[in-house]
Amino acid sequence: MVKVKAHELRNKNKAELLKVLEEQKQQLANLRVQKVAGGRQQELGEARKNVARVLTVINQTQREQLRLFYQKKRFVPLDLRVKKTRAMRRALTPFEKSKKTLRQQKKLIHFPLRKYAVKA
């Protein structure tokens, strides 16, 4: 059993990946039949990992394409948004932080910070 390498899978398109996935699933089914007849257990684990690798590459490329699609859109699906922490997601944006009330603006205009010359 040959180990499928993820970096080799990343160069393939979706049709080729699906073909590789089908082959790996078929190989896994054959090994399960051999297991009943007294086959080796190690190959079975390797076959399951190969299937997982192919599925992982498919999902990663799909999510990457979706991220590119939604990059300039106004709304992004929840699972594609940046995770961060709950507090960070709810924190004010820099623009919201810089906003000042009308009263505060008037106060800053009429009573600016005083500058003192300190004698050395």
PDB file of N, CA and C in Angstrom:
ATOM      1  N   MET A   1       0.836  -1.178   0.000  1.00  0.00           N
ATOM      2  CA  MET A   1       0.000   0.000   0.000  1.00  0.00           C
ATOM      3  C   MET A   1       0.883   1.246   0.000  1.00  0.00           C
ATOM      4  N   VAL A   2       0.647   2.141  -0.965  1.00  0.00           N
ATOM      5  CA  VAL A   2       1.424   3.363  -1.089  1.00  0.00           C
ATOM      6  C   VAL A   2       0.704   4.488  -0.355  1.00  0.00           C
ATOM      7  N   LYS A   3       1.465   5.232   0.435  1.00  0.00           N
ATOM      8  CA  LYS A   3       0.896   6.345   1.182  1.00  0.00           C
ATOM      9  C   LYS A   3       0.629   7.508   0.231  1.00  0.00           C
ATOM     10  N   VAL A   4      -0.589   8.042   0.270  1.00  0.00           N
ATOM     11  CA  VAL A   4      -0.946   9.186  -0.562  1.00  0.00           C
ATOM     12  C   VAL A   4      -0.391  10.443   0.100  1.00  0.00           C
ATOM     13  N   LYS A   5       0.305  11.280  -0.677  1.00  0.00           N
ATOM     14  CA  LYS A   5       0.911  12.481  -0.122  1.00  0.00           C
ATOM     15  C   LYS A   5       0.027  13.697  -0.418  1.00  0.00           C
ATOM     16  N   ALA A   6      -0.224  14.494   0.604  1.00  0.00           N
ATOM     17  CA  ALA A   6      -1.135  15.632   0.489  1.00  0.00           C
ATOM     18  C   ALA A   6      -0.615  16.674  -0.500  1.00  0.00           C
ATOM     19  N   HIS A   7       0.695  16.930  -0.493  1.00  0.00           N
ATOM     20  CA  HIS A   7       1.228  17.960  -1.395  1.00  0.00           C
ATOM     21  C   HIS A   7       1.076  17.561  -2.858  1.00  0.00           C
ATOM     22  N   GLU A   8       1.042  16.264  -3.138  1.00  0.00           N
ATOM     23  CA  GLU A   8       0.811  15.813  -4.517  1.00  0.00           C
ATOM     24  C   GLU A   8      -0.657  15.986  -4.891  1.00  0.00           C
ATOM     25  N   LEU A   9      -1.540  15.801  -3.892  1.00  0.00           N
ATOM     26  CA  LEU A   9      -2.973  15.932  -4.157  1.00  0.00           C
ATOM     27  C   LEU A   9      -3.372  17.380  -4.427  1.00  0.00           C
ATOM     28  N   ARG A  10      -2.657  18.327  -3.819  1.00  0.00           N
ATOM     29  CA  ARG A  10      -3.033  19.740  -3.951  1.00  0.00           C
ATOM     30  C   ARG A  10      -2.876  20.254  -5.381  1.00  0.00           C
ATOM     31  N   ASN A  11      -2.049  19.597  -6.176  1.00  0.00           N
ATOM     32  CA  ASN A  11      -1.843  20.031  -7.565  1.00  0.00           C
ATOM     33  C   ASN A  11      -2.944  19.537  -8.496  1.00  0.00           C
ATOM     34  N   LYS A  12      -3.789  18.622  -8.020  1.00  0.00           N
ATOM     35  CA  LYS A  12      -4.823  18.028  -8.870  1.00  0.00           C
ATOM     36  C   LYS A  12      -6.119  18.838  -8.787  1.00  0.00           C
ATOM     37  N   ASN A  13      -6.917  18.723  -9.877  1.00  0.00           N
ATOM     38  CA  ASN A  13      -8.208  19.410  -9.853  1.00  0.00           C
ATOM     39  C   ASN A  13      -9.265  18.521  -9.179  1.00  0.00           C
ATOM     40  N   LYS A  14     -10.477  19.036  -9.077  1.00  0.00           N
ATOM     41  CA  LYS A  14     -11.508  18.347  -8.306  1.00  0.00           C
ATOM     42  C   LYS A  14     -11.871  16.988  -8.913  1.00  0.00           C
ATOM     43  N   ALA A  15     -11.950  16.909 -10.228  1.00  0.00           N
ATOM     44  CA  ALA A  15     -12.310  15.643 -10.886  1.00  0.00           C
ATOM     45  C   ALA A  15     -11.261  14.566 -10.595  1.00  0.00           C
ATOM     46  N   GLU A  16      -9.996  14.953 -10.667  1.00  0.00           N
ATOM     47  CA  GLU A  16      -8.918  13.987 -10.378  1.00  0.00           C
ATOM     48  C   GLU A  16      -8.947  13.566  -8.915  1.00  0.00           C
ATOM     49  N   LEU A  17      -9.223  14.524  -8.023  1.00  0.00           N
ATOM     50  CA  LEU A  17      -9.303  14.205  -6.594  1.00  0.00           C
ATOM     51  C   LEU A  17     -10.441  13.229  -6.303  1.00  0.00           C
ATOM     52  N   LEU A  18     -11.573  13.455  -6.956  1.00  0.00           N
ATOM     53  CA  LEU A  18     -12.714  12.541  -6.758  1.00  0.00           C
ATOM     54  C   LEU A  18     -12.388  11.142  -7.285  1.00  0.00           C
ATOM     55  N   LYS A  19     -11.625  11.099  -8.375  1.00  0.00           N
ATOM     56  CA  LYS A  19     -11.223   9.803  -8.933  1.00  0.00           C
ATOM     57  C   LYS A  19     -10.289   9.075  -7.956  1.00  0.00           C
ATOM     58  N   VAL A  20      -9.323   9.818  -7.390  1.00  0.00           N
ATOM     59  CA  VAL A  20      -8.395   9.239  -6.410  1.00  0.00           C
ATOM     60  C   VAL A  20      -9.170   8.771  -5.176  1.00  0.00           C
ATOM     61  N   LEU A  21     -10.146   9.562  -4.757  1.00  0.00           N
ATOM     62  CA  LEU A  21     -10.961   9.203  -3.586  1.00  0.00           C
ATOM     63  C   LEU A  21     -11.715   7.901  -3.835  1.00  0.00           C
ATOM     64  N   GLU A  22     -12.276   7.780  -5.020  1.00  0.00           N
ATOM     65  CA  GLU A  22     -13.030   6.559  -5.354  1.00  0.00           C
ATOM     66  C   GLU A  22     -12.101   5.340  -5.356  1.00  0.00           C
ATOM     67  N   GLU A  23     -10.889   5.520  -5.905  1.00  0.00           N
ATOM     68  CA  GLU A  23      -9.917   4.416  -5.913  1.00  0.00           C
ATOM     69  C   GLU A  23      -9.546   4.003  -4.493  1.00  0.00           C
ATOM     70  N   GLN A  24      -9.302   4.998  -3.640  1.00  0.00           N
ATOM     71  CA  GLN A  24      -8.913   4.715  -2.257  1.00  0.00           C
ATOM     72  C   GLN A  24     -10.042   4.029  -1.487  1.00  0.00           C
ATOM     73  N   LYS A  25     -11.264   4.449  -1.741  1.00  0.00           N
ATOM     74  CA  LYS A  25     -12.414   3.813  -1.079  1.00  0.00           C
ATOM     75  C   LYS A  25     -12.570   2.366  -1.543  1.00  0.00           C
ATOM     76  N   GLN A  26     -12.325   2.143  -2.823  1.00  0.00           N
ATOM     77  CA  GLN A  26     -12.411   0.781  -3.368  1.00  0.00           C
ATOM     78  C   GLN A  26     -11.330  -0.101  -2.743  1.00  0.00           C
ATOM     79  N   GLN A  27     -10.136   0.452  -2.608  1.00  0.00           N
ATOM     80  CA  GLN A  27      -9.026  -0.277  -1.998  1.00  0.00           C
ATOM     81  C   GLN A  27      -9.348  -0.602  -0.533  1.00  0.00           C
ATOM     82  N   LEU A  28      -9.959   0.352   0.168  1.00  0.00           N
ATOM     83  CA  LEU A  28     -10.357   0.147   1.562  1.00  0.00           C
ATOM     84  C   LEU A  28     -11.391  -0.967   1.671  1.00  0.00           C
ATOM     85  N   ALA A  29     -12.345  -0.983   0.747  1.00  0.00           N
ATOM     86  CA  ALA A  29     -13.367  -2.038   0.752  1.00  0.00           C
ATOM     87  C   ALA A  29     -12.726  -3.410   0.529  1.00  0.00           C
ATOM     88  N   ASN A  30     -11.762  -3.465  -0.400  1.00  0.00           N
ATOM     89  CA  ASN A  30     -11.070  -4.736  -0.676  1.00  0.00           C
ATOM     90  C   ASN A  30     -10.305  -5.216   0.562  1.00  0.00           C
ATOM     91  N   LEU A  31      -9.650  -4.274   1.254  1.00  0.00           N
ATOM     92  CA  LEU A  31      -8.898  -4.647   2.457  1.00  0.00           C
ATOM     93  C   LEU A  31      -9.823  -5.128   3.574  1.00  0.00           C
ATOM     94  N   ARG A  32     -11.014  -4.569   3.648  1.00  0.00           N
ATOM     95  CA  ARG A  32     -11.971  -5.023   4.662  1.00  0.00           C
ATOM     96  C   ARG A  32     -12.404  -6.463   4.386  1.00  0.00           C
ATOM     97  N   VAL A  33     -12.546  -6.772   3.106  1.00  0.00           N
ATOM     98  CA  VAL A  33     -12.902  -8.152   2.731  1.00  0.00           C
ATOM     99  C   VAL A  33     -11.747  -9.082   3.077  1.00  0.00           C
ATOM    100  N   GLN A  34     -10.515  -8.649   2.793  1.00  0.00           N
ATOM    101  CA  GLN A  34      -9.329  -9.457   3.107  1.00  0.00           C
ATOM    102  C   GLN A  34      -9.168  -9.645   4.609  1.00  0.00           C
ATOM    103  N   LYS A  35      -9.570  -8.641   5.376  1.00  0.00           N
ATOM    104  CA  LYS A  35      -9.455  -8.716   6.832  1.00  0.00           C
ATOM    105  C   LYS A  35     -10.283  -9.880   7.375  1.00  0.00           C
ATOM    106  N   VAL A  36     -11.463 -10.056   6.804  1.00  0.00           N
ATOM    107  CA  VAL A  36     -12.330 -11.167   7.216  1.00  0.00           C
ATOM    108  C   VAL A  36     -11.646 -12.487   6.902  1.00  0.00           C
ATOM    109  N   ALA A  37     -10.927 -12.515   5.775  1.00  0.00           N
ATOM    110  CA  ALA A  37     -10.234 -13.733   5.360  1.00  0.00           C
ATOM    111  C   ALA A  37      -8.888 -13.892   6.068  1.00  0.00           C
ATOM    112  N   GLY A  38      -8.512 -12.920   6.901  1.00  0.00           N
ATOM    113  CA  GLY A  38      -7.253 -13.024   7.643  1.00  0.00           C
ATOM    114  C   GLY A  38      -6.152 -12.171   7.058  1.00  0.00           C
ATOM    115  N   GLY A  39      -6.465 -10.946   6.652  1.00  0.00           N
ATOM    116  CA  GLY A  39      -5.461 -10.044   6.078  1.00  0.00           C
ATOM    117  C   GLY A  39      -4.724  -9.261   7.154  1.00  0.00           C
ATOM    118  N   ARG A  40      -3.885  -8.335   6.694  1.00  0.00           N
ATOM    119  CA  ARG A  40      -3.090  -7.541   7.634  1.00  0.00           C
ATOM    120  C   ARG A  40      -3.878  -6.306   8.092  1.00  0.00           C
ATOM    121  N   GLN A  41      -3.726  -5.962   9.372  1.00  0.00           N
ATOM    122  CA  GLN A  41      -4.456  -4.835   9.959  1.00  0.00           C
ATOM    123  C   GLN A  41      -3.796  -3.496   9.613  1.00  0.00           C
ATOM    124  N   GLN A  42      -2.467  -3.479   9.469  1.00  0.00           N
ATOM    125  CA  GLN A  42      -1.754  -2.226   9.255  1.00  0.00           C
ATOM    126  C   GLN A  42      -2.178  -1.540   7.958  1.00  0.00           C
ATOM    127  N   GLU A  43      -2.375  -2.335   6.921  1.00  0.00           N
ATOM    128  CA  GLU A  43      -2.770  -1.762   5.638  1.00  0.00           C
ATOM    129  C   GLU A  43      -4.142  -1.127   5.718  1.00  0.00           C
ATOM    130  N   LEU A  44      -5.006  -1.687   6.538  1.00  0.00           N
ATOM    131  CA  LEU A  44      -6.362  -1.164   6.694  1.00  0.00           C
ATOM    132  C   LEU A  44      -6.315   0.254   7.274  1.00  0.00           C
ATOM    133  N   GLY A  45      -5.495   0.452   8.289  1.00  0.00           N
ATOM    134  CA  GLY A  45      -5.352   1.777   8.890  1.00  0.00           C
ATOM    135  C   GLY A  45      -4.790   2.782   7.918  1.00  0.00           C
ATOM    136  N   GLU A  46      -3.804   2.362   7.141  1.00  0.00           N
ATOM    137  CA  GLU A  46      -3.183   3.241   6.148  1.00  0.00           C
ATOM    138  C   GLU A  46      -4.203   3.634   5.075  1.00  0.00           C
ATOM    139  N   ALA A  47      -5.052   2.681   4.682  1.00  0.00           N
ATOM    140  CA  ALA A  47      -6.073   2.951   3.662  1.00  0.00           C
ATOM    141  C   ALA A  47      -7.083   3.979   4.185  1.00  0.00           C
ATOM    142  N   ARG A  48      -7.475   3.851   5.448  1.00  0.00           N
ATOM    143  CA  ARG A  48      -8.420   4.816   6.045  1.00  0.00           C
ATOM    144  C   ARG A  48      -7.794   6.212   6.090  1.00  0.00           C
ATOM    145  N   LYS A  49      -6.517   6.269   6.427  1.00  0.00           N
ATOM    146  CA  LYS A  49      -5.830   7.564   6.482  1.00  0.00           C
ATOM    147  C   LYS A  49      -5.706   8.187   5.092  1.00  0.00           C
ATOM    148  N   ASN A  50      -5.489   7.344   4.074  1.00  0.00           N
ATOM    149  CA  ASN A  50      -5.414   7.849   2.700  1.00  0.00           C
ATOM    150  C   ASN A  50      -6.727   8.501   2.290  1.00  0.00           C
ATOM    151  N   VAL A  51      -7.849   7.827   2.625  1.00  0.00           N
ATOM    152  CA  VAL A  51      -9.165   8.381   2.310  1.00  0.00           C
ATOM    153  C   VAL A  51      -9.332   9.717   3.032  1.00  0.00           C
ATOM    154  N   ALA A  52      -8.922   9.767   4.298  1.00  0.00           N
ATOM    155  CA  ALA A  52      -9.041  10.988   5.083  1.00  0.00           C
ATOM    156  C   ALA A  52      -8.199  12.115   4.477  1.00  0.00           C
ATOM    157  N   ARG A  53      -6.992  11.794   4.007  1.00  0.00           N
ATOM    158  CA  ARG A  53      -6.121  12.800   3.394  1.00  0.00           C
ATOM    159  C   ARG A  53      -6.762  13.401   2.155  1.00  0.00           C
ATOM    160  N   VAL A  54      -7.320  12.544   1.310  1.00  0.00           N
ATOM    161  CA  VAL A  54      -7.947  13.025   0.078  1.00  0.00           C
ATOM    162  C   VAL A  54      -9.142  13.920   0.420  1.00  0.00           C
ATOM    163  N   LEU A  55      -9.980  13.492   1.372  1.00  0.00           N
ATOM    164  CA  LEU A  55     -11.136  14.292   1.771  1.00  0.00           C
ATOM    165  C   LEU A  55     -10.708  15.628   2.368  1.00  0.00           C
ATOM    166  N   THR A  56      -9.625  15.612   3.129  1.00  0.00           N
ATOM    167  CA  THR A  56      -9.125  16.841   3.742  1.00  0.00           C
ATOM    168  C   THR A  56      -8.691  17.832   2.674  1.00  0.00           C
ATOM    169  N   VAL A  57      -7.960  17.356   1.678  1.00  0.00           N
ATOM    170  CA  VAL A  57      -7.499  18.235   0.597  1.00  0.00           C
ATOM    171  C   VAL A  57      -8.698  18.784  -0.173  1.00  0.00           C
ATOM    172  N   ILE A  58      -9.697  17.948  -0.441  1.00  0.00           N
ATOM    173  CA  ILE A  58     -10.903  18.402  -1.149  1.00  0.00           C
ATOM    174  C   ILE A  58     -11.585  19.510  -0.354  1.00  0.00           C
ATOM    175  N   ASN A  59     -11.784  19.285   0.951  1.00  0.00           N
ATOM    176  CA  ASN A  59     -12.465  20.284   1.792  1.00  0.00           C
ATOM    177  C   ASN A  59     -11.665  21.575   1.904  1.00  0.00           C
ATOM    178  N   GLN A  60     -10.345  21.464   2.047  1.00  0.00           N
ATOM    179  CA  GLN A  60      -9.516  22.664   2.173  1.00  0.00           C
ATOM    180  C   GLN A  60      -9.557  23.509   0.901  1.00  0.00           C
ATOM    181  N   THR A  61      -9.457  22.851  -0.258  1.00  0.00           N
ATOM    182  CA  THR A  61      -9.486  23.606  -1.515  1.00  0.00           C
ATOM    183  C   THR A  61     -10.853  24.248  -1.726  1.00  0.00           C
ATOM    184  N   GLN A  62     -11.909  23.529  -1.336  1.00  0.00           N
ATOM    185  CA  GLN A  62     -13.265  24.056  -1.475  1.00  0.00           C
ATOM    186  C   GLN A  62     -13.446  25.307  -0.598  1.00  0.00           C
ATOM    187  N   ARG A  63     -12.980  25.229   0.652  1.00  0.00           N
ATOM    188  CA  ARG A  63     -13.092  26.372   1.563  1.00  0.00           C
ATOM    189  C   ARG A  63     -12.244  27.555   1.071  1.00  0.00           C
ATOM    190  N   GLU A  64     -11.083  27.248   0.504  1.00  0.00           N
ATOM    191  CA  GLU A  64     -10.215  28.297  -0.029  1.00  0.00           C
ATOM    192  C   GLU A  64     -10.907  29.043  -1.166  1.00  0.00           C
ATOM    193  N   GLN A  65     -11.571  28.288  -2.052  1.00  0.00           N
ATOM    194  CA  GLN A  65     -12.301  28.900  -3.161  1.00  0.00           C
ATOM    195  C   GLN A  65     -13.469  29.748  -2.649  1.00  0.00           C
ATOM    196  N   LEU A  66     -14.160  29.236  -1.625  1.00  0.00           N
ATOM    197  CA  LEU A  66     -15.276  29.997  -1.049  1.00  0.00           C
ATOM    198  C   LEU A  66     -14.785  31.290  -0.400  1.00  0.00           C
ATOM    199  N   ARG A  67     -13.633  31.225   0.263  1.00  0.00           N
ATOM    200  CA  ARG A  67     -13.070  32.437   0.871  1.00  0.00           C
ATOM    201  C   ARG A  67     -12.772  33.486  -0.199  1.00  0.00           C
ATOM    202  N   LEU A  68     -12.221  33.042  -1.331  1.00  0.00           N
ATOM    203  CA  LEU A  68     -11.946  33.977  -2.427  1.00  0.00           C
ATOM    204  C   LEU A  68     -13.239  34.564  -2.990  1.00  0.00           C
ATOM    205  N   PHE A  69     -14.279  33.736  -3.091  1.00  0.00           N
ATOM    206  CA  PHE A  69     -15.570  34.182  -3.631  1.00  0.00           C
ATOM    207  C   PHE A  69     -16.192  35.250  -2.735  1.00  0.00           C
ATOM    208  N   TYR A  70     -16.141  35.045  -1.410  1.00  0.00           N
ATOM    209  CA  TYR A  70     -16.789  35.953  -0.468  1.00  0.00           C
ATOM    210  C   TYR A  70     -15.876  37.095  -0.002  1.00  0.00           C
ATOM    211  N   GLN A  71     -14.683  37.207  -0.568  1.00  0.00           N
ATOM    212  CA  GLN A  71     -13.700  38.170  -0.088  1.00  0.00           C
ATOM    213  C   GLN A  71     -14.212  39.612  -0.141  1.00  0.00           C
ATOM    214  N   LYS A  72     -14.825  40.015  -1.227  1.00  0.00           N
ATOM    215  CA  LYS A  72     -15.279  41.401  -1.392  1.00  0.00           C
ATOM    216  C   LYS A  72     -16.784  41.557  -1.127  1.00  0.00           C
ATOM    217  N   LYS A  73     -17.443  40.507  -0.675  1.00  0.00           N
ATOM    218  CA  LYS A  73     -18.883  40.578  -0.411  1.00  0.00           C
ATOM    219  C   LYS A  73     -19.151  41.242   0.935  1.00  0.00           C
ATOM    220  N   ARG A  74     -20.362  41.722   1.102  1.00  0.00           N
ATOM    221  CA  ARG A  74     -20.720  42.396   2.351  1.00  0.00           C
ATOM    222  C   ARG A  74     -20.883  41.398   3.492  1.00  0.00           C
ATOM    223  N   PHE A  75     -21.552  40.279   3.217  1.00  0.00           N
ATOM    224  CA  PHE A  75     -21.773  39.270   4.243  1.00  0.00           C
ATOM    225  C   PHE A  75     -21.006  38.001   3.908  1.00  0.00           C
ATOM    226  N   VAL A  76     -20.433  37.384   4.932  1.00  0.00           N
ATOM    227  CA  VAL A  76     -19.656  36.154   4.770  1.00  0.00           C
ATOM    228  C   VAL A  76     -20.328  35.076   5.628  1.00  0.00           C
ATOM    229  N   PRO A  77     -20.433  33.832   5.141  1.00  0.00           N
ATOM    230  CA  PRO A  77     -21.021  32.771   5.961  1.00  0.00           C
ATOM    231  C   PRO A  77     -20.293  32.613   7.287  1.00  0.00           C
ATOM    232  N   LEU A  78     -21.028  32.199   8.310  1.00  0.00           N
ATOM    233  CA  LEU A  78     -20.473  32.113   9.666  1.00  0.00           C
ATOM    234  C   LEU A  78     -19.238  31.221   9.738  1.00  0.00           C
ATOM    235  N   ASP A  79     -19.240  30.096   9.040  1.00  0.00           N
ATOM    236  CA  ASP A  79     -18.110  29.168   9.137  1.00  0.00           C
ATOM    237  C   ASP A  79     -16.865  29.669   8.407  1.00  0.00           C
ATOM    238  N   LEU A  80     -16.997  30.728   7.591  1.00  0.00           N
ATOM    239  CA  LEU A  80     -15.832  31.285   6.900  1.00  0.00           C
ATOM    240  C   LEU A  80     -15.307  32.545   7.590  1.00  0.00           C
ATOM    241  N   ARG A  81     -16.025  33.019   8.596  1.00  0.00           N
ATOM    242  CA  ARG A  81     -15.586  34.221   9.301  1.00  0.00           C
ATOM    243  C   ARG A  81     -14.411  33.907  10.218  1.00  0.00           C
ATOM    244  N   VAL A  82     -13.677  34.971  10.601  1.00  0.00           N
ATOM    245  CA  VAL A  82     -12.529  34.815  11.493  1.00  0.00           C
ATOM    246  C   VAL A  82     -13.045  34.440  12.869  1.00  0.00           C
ATOM    247  N   LYS A  83     -12.446  33.445  13.492  1.00  0.00           N
ATOM    248  CA  LYS A  83     -12.933  32.917  14.756  1.00  0.00           C
ATOM    249  C   LYS A  83     -12.647  33.866  15.923  1.00  0.00           C
ATOM    250  N   LYS A  84     -11.389  34.223  16.152  1.00  0.00           N
ATOM    251  CA  LYS A  84     -10.959  35.064  17.264  1.00  0.00           C
ATOM    252  C   LYS A  84     -11.569  34.572  18.578  1.00  0.00           C
ATOM    253  N   THR A  85     -11.984  35.517  19.442  1.00  0.00           N
ATOM    254  CA  THR A  85     -12.691  35.140  20.665  1.00  0.00           C
ATOM    255  C   THR A  85     -14.002  35.897  20.668  1.00  0.00           C
ATOM    256  N   ARG A  86     -14.922  35.482  21.502  1.00  0.00           N
ATOM    257  CA  ARG A  86     -16.246  36.104  21.538  1.00  0.00           C
ATOM    258  C   ARG A  86     -16.123  37.584  21.890  1.00  0.00           C
ATOM    259  N   ALA A  87     -15.264  37.891  22.870  1.00  0.00           N
ATOM    260  CA  ALA A  87     -15.074  39.279  23.295  1.00  0.00           C
ATOM    261  C   ALA A  87     -14.480  40.122  22.162  1.00  0.00           C
ATOM    262  N   MET A  88     -13.516  39.558  21.448  1.00  0.00           N
ATOM    263  CA  MET A  88     -12.881  40.295  20.345  1.00  0.00           C
ATOM    264  C   MET A  88     -13.872  40.557  19.214  1.00  0.00           C
ATOM    265  N   ARG A  89     -14.744  39.583  18.945  1.00  0.00           N
ATOM    266  CA  ARG A  89     -15.736  39.767  17.879  1.00  0.00           C
ATOM    267  C   ARG A  89     -16.739  40.855  18.227  1.00  0.00           C
ATOM    268  N   ARG A  90     -17.034  41.010  19.531  1.00  0.00           N
ATOM    269  CA  ARG A  90     -18.024  41.992  19.958  1.00  0.00           C
ATOM    270  C   ARG A  90     -17.423  43.364  20.284  1.00  0.00           C
ATOM    271  N   ALA A  91     -16.106  43.460  20.278  1.00  0.00           N
ATOM    272  CA  ALA A  91     -15.443  44.727  20.608  1.00  0.00           C
ATOM    273  C   ALA A  91     -15.734  45.770  19.531  1.00  0.00           C
ATOM    274  N   LEU A  92     -15.636  47.051  19.938  1.00  0.00           N
ATOM    275  CA  LEU A  92     -15.848  48.145  18.999  1.00  0.00           C
ATOM    276  C   LEU A  92     -14.745  48.170  17.953  1.00  0.00           C
ATOM    277  N   THR A  93     -15.103  48.572  16.753  1.00  0.00           N
ATOM    278  CA  THR A  93     -14.118  48.728  15.690  1.00  0.00           C
ATOM    279  C   THR A  93     -13.350  50.028  15.934  1.00  0.00           C
ATOM    280  N   PRO A  94     -12.182  50.216  15.326  1.00  0.00           N
ATOM    281  CA  PRO A  94     -11.438  51.479  15.511  1.00  0.00           C
ATOM    282  C   PRO A  94     -12.276  52.702  15.143  1.00  0.00           C
ATOM    283  N   PHE A  95     -13.085  52.600  14.123  1.00  0.00           N
ATOM    284  CA  PHE A  95     -13.951  53.720  13.712  1.00  0.00           C
ATOM    285  C   PHE A  95     -14.968  54.035  14.803  1.00  0.00           C
ATOM    286  N   GLU A  96     -15.583  52.986  15.345  1.00  0.00           N
ATOM    287  CA  GLU A  96     -16.576  53.180  16.407  1.00  0.00           C
ATOM    288  C   GLU A  96     -15.929  53.759  17.672  1.00  0.00           C
ATOM    289  N   LYS A  97     -14.687  53.347  17.953  1.00  0.00           N
ATOM    290  CA  LYS A  97     -13.976  53.860  19.128  1.00  0.00           C
ATOM    291  C   LYS A  97     -13.670  55.345  18.986  1.00  0.00           C
ATOM    292  N   SER A  98     -13.379  55.794  17.773  1.00  0.00           N
ATOM    293  CA  SER A  98     -12.970  57.179  17.565  1.00  0.00           C
ATOM    294  C   SER A  98     -14.146  58.149  17.527  1.00  0.00           C
ATOM    295  N   LYS A  99     -15.382  57.668  17.403  1.00  0.00           N
ATOM    296  CA  LYS A  99     -16.553  58.539  17.348  1.00  0.00           C
ATOM    297  C   LYS A  99     -16.707  59.298  18.656  1.00  0.00           C
ATOM    298  N   LYS A 100     -17.116  60.580  18.549  1.00  0.00           N
ATOM    299  CA  LYS A 100     -17.322  61.400  19.738  1.00  0.00           C
ATOM    300  C   LYS A 100     -18.720  61.998  19.692  1.00  0.00           C
ATOM    301  N   THR A 101     -19.307  62.192  20.861  1.00  0.00           N
ATOM    302  CA  THR A 101     -20.637  62.800  20.937  1.00  0.00           C
ATOM    303  C   THR A 101     -20.528  64.280  20.611  1.00  0.00           C
ATOM    304  N   LEU A 102     -21.653  64.903  20.323  1.00  0.00           N
ATOM    305  CA  LEU A 102     -21.678  66.325  19.999  1.00  0.00           C
ATOM    306  C   LEU A 102     -21.180  67.146  21.190  1.00  0.00           C
ATOM    307  N   ARG A 103     -21.600  66.763  22.382  1.00  0.00           N
ATOM    308  CA  ARG A 103     -21.181  67.466  23.602  1.00  0.00           C
ATOM    309  C   ARG A 103     -19.659  67.379  23.785  1.00  0.00           C
ATOM    310  N   GLN A 104     -19.114  66.190  23.540  1.00  0.00           N
ATOM    311  CA  GLN A 104     -17.673  65.994  23.692  1.00  0.00           C
ATOM    312  C   GLN A 104     -16.903  66.810  22.657  1.00  0.00           C
ATOM    313  N   GLN A 105     -17.436  66.882  21.416  1.00  0.00           N
ATOM    314  CA  GLN A 105     -16.790  67.669  20.370  1.00  0.00           C
ATOM    315  C   GLN A 105     -16.735  69.147  20.746  1.00  0.00           C
ATOM    316  N   LYS A 106     -17.876  69.679  21.248  1.00  0.00           N
ATOM    317  CA  LYS A 106     -17.929  71.089  21.659  1.00  0.00           C
ATOM    318  C   LYS A 106     -16.944  71.363  22.790  1.00  0.00           C
ATOM    319  N   LYS A 107     -16.878  70.457  23.747  1.00  0.00           N
ATOM    320  CA  LYS A 107     -15.989  70.616  24.896  1.00  0.00           C
ATOM    321  C   LYS A 107     -14.533  70.681  24.439  1.00  0.00           C
ATOM    322  N   LEU A 108     -14.154  69.801  23.476  1.00  0.00           N
ATOM    323  CA  LEU A 108     -12.782  69.792  22.975  1.00  0.00           C
ATOM    324  C   LEU A 108     -12.449  71.071  22.203  1.00  0.00           C
ATOM    325  N   ILE A 109     -13.435  71.617  21.494  1.00  0.00           N
ATOM    326  CA  ILE A 109     -13.208  72.842  20.725  1.00  0.00           C
ATOM    327  C   ILE A 109     -13.033  74.038  21.658  1.00  0.00           C
ATOM    328  N   HIS A 110     -13.942  74.185  22.636  1.00  0.00           N
ATOM    329  CA  HIS A 110     -13.944  75.352  23.507  1.00  0.00           C
ATOM    330  C   HIS A 110     -12.896  75.294  24.613  1.00  0.00           C
ATOM    331  N   PHE A 111     -12.539  74.102  25.042  1.00  0.00           N
ATOM    332  CA  PHE A 111     -11.553  73.963  26.114  1.00  0.00           C
ATOM    333  C   PHE A 111     -10.441  73.004  25.691  1.00  0.00           C
ATOM    334  N   PRO A 112      -9.556  73.448  24.793  1.00  0.00           N
ATOM    335  CA  PRO A 112      -8.477  72.558  24.345  1.00  0.00           C
ATOM    336  C   PRO A 112      -7.498  72.290  25.482  1.00  0.00           C
ATOM    337  N   LEU A 113      -6.696  71.256  25.321  1.00  0.00           N
ATOM    338  CA  LEU A 113      -5.693  70.923  26.320  1.00  0.00           C
ATOM    339  C   LEU A 113      -4.692  72.063  26.431  1.00  0.00           C
ATOM    340  N   ARG A 114      -4.400  72.500  27.654  1.00  0.00           N
ATOM    341  CA  ARG A 114      -3.474  73.603  27.860  1.00  0.00           C
ATOM    342  C   ARG A 114      -2.039  73.102  27.747  1.00  0.00           C
ATOM    343  N   LYS A 115      -1.217  73.972  27.153  1.00  0.00           N
ATOM    344  CA  LYS A 115       0.186  73.609  26.994  1.00  0.00           C
ATOM    345  C   LYS A 115       0.995  74.455  27.958  1.00  0.00           C
ATOM    346  N   TYR A 116       1.803  73.811  28.751  1.00  0.00           N
ATOM    347  CA  TYR A 116       2.629  74.509  29.730  1.00  0.00           C
ATOM    348  C   TYR A 116       4.090  74.381  29.341  1.00  0.00           C
ATOM    349  N   ALA A 117       4.811  75.450  29.546  1.00  0.00           N
ATOM    350  CA  ALA A 117       6.253  75.420  29.349  1.00  0.00           C
ATOM    351  C   ALA A 117       6.882  75.063  30.688  1.00  0.00           C
ATOM    352  N   VAL A 118       7.597  73.950  30.717  1.00  0.00           N
ATOM    353  CA  VAL A 118       8.196  73.508  31.964  1.00  0.00           C
ATOM    354  C   VAL A 118       9.599  74.082  32.065  1.00  0.00           C
ATOM    355  N   LYS A 119       9.868  74.746  33.215  1.00  0.00           N
ATOM    356  CA  LYS A 119      11.179  75.339  33.427  1.00  0.00           C
ATOM    357  C   LYS A 119      12.163  74.248  33.829  1.00  0.00           C
ATOM    358  N   ALA A 120      13.296  74.154  33.112  1.00  0.00           N
ATOM    359  CA  ALA A 120      14.258  73.099  33.392  1.00  0.00           C
ATOM    360  C   ALA A 120      15.197  73.441  34.517  1.00  0.00           C
TER     361      ALA A 120
END
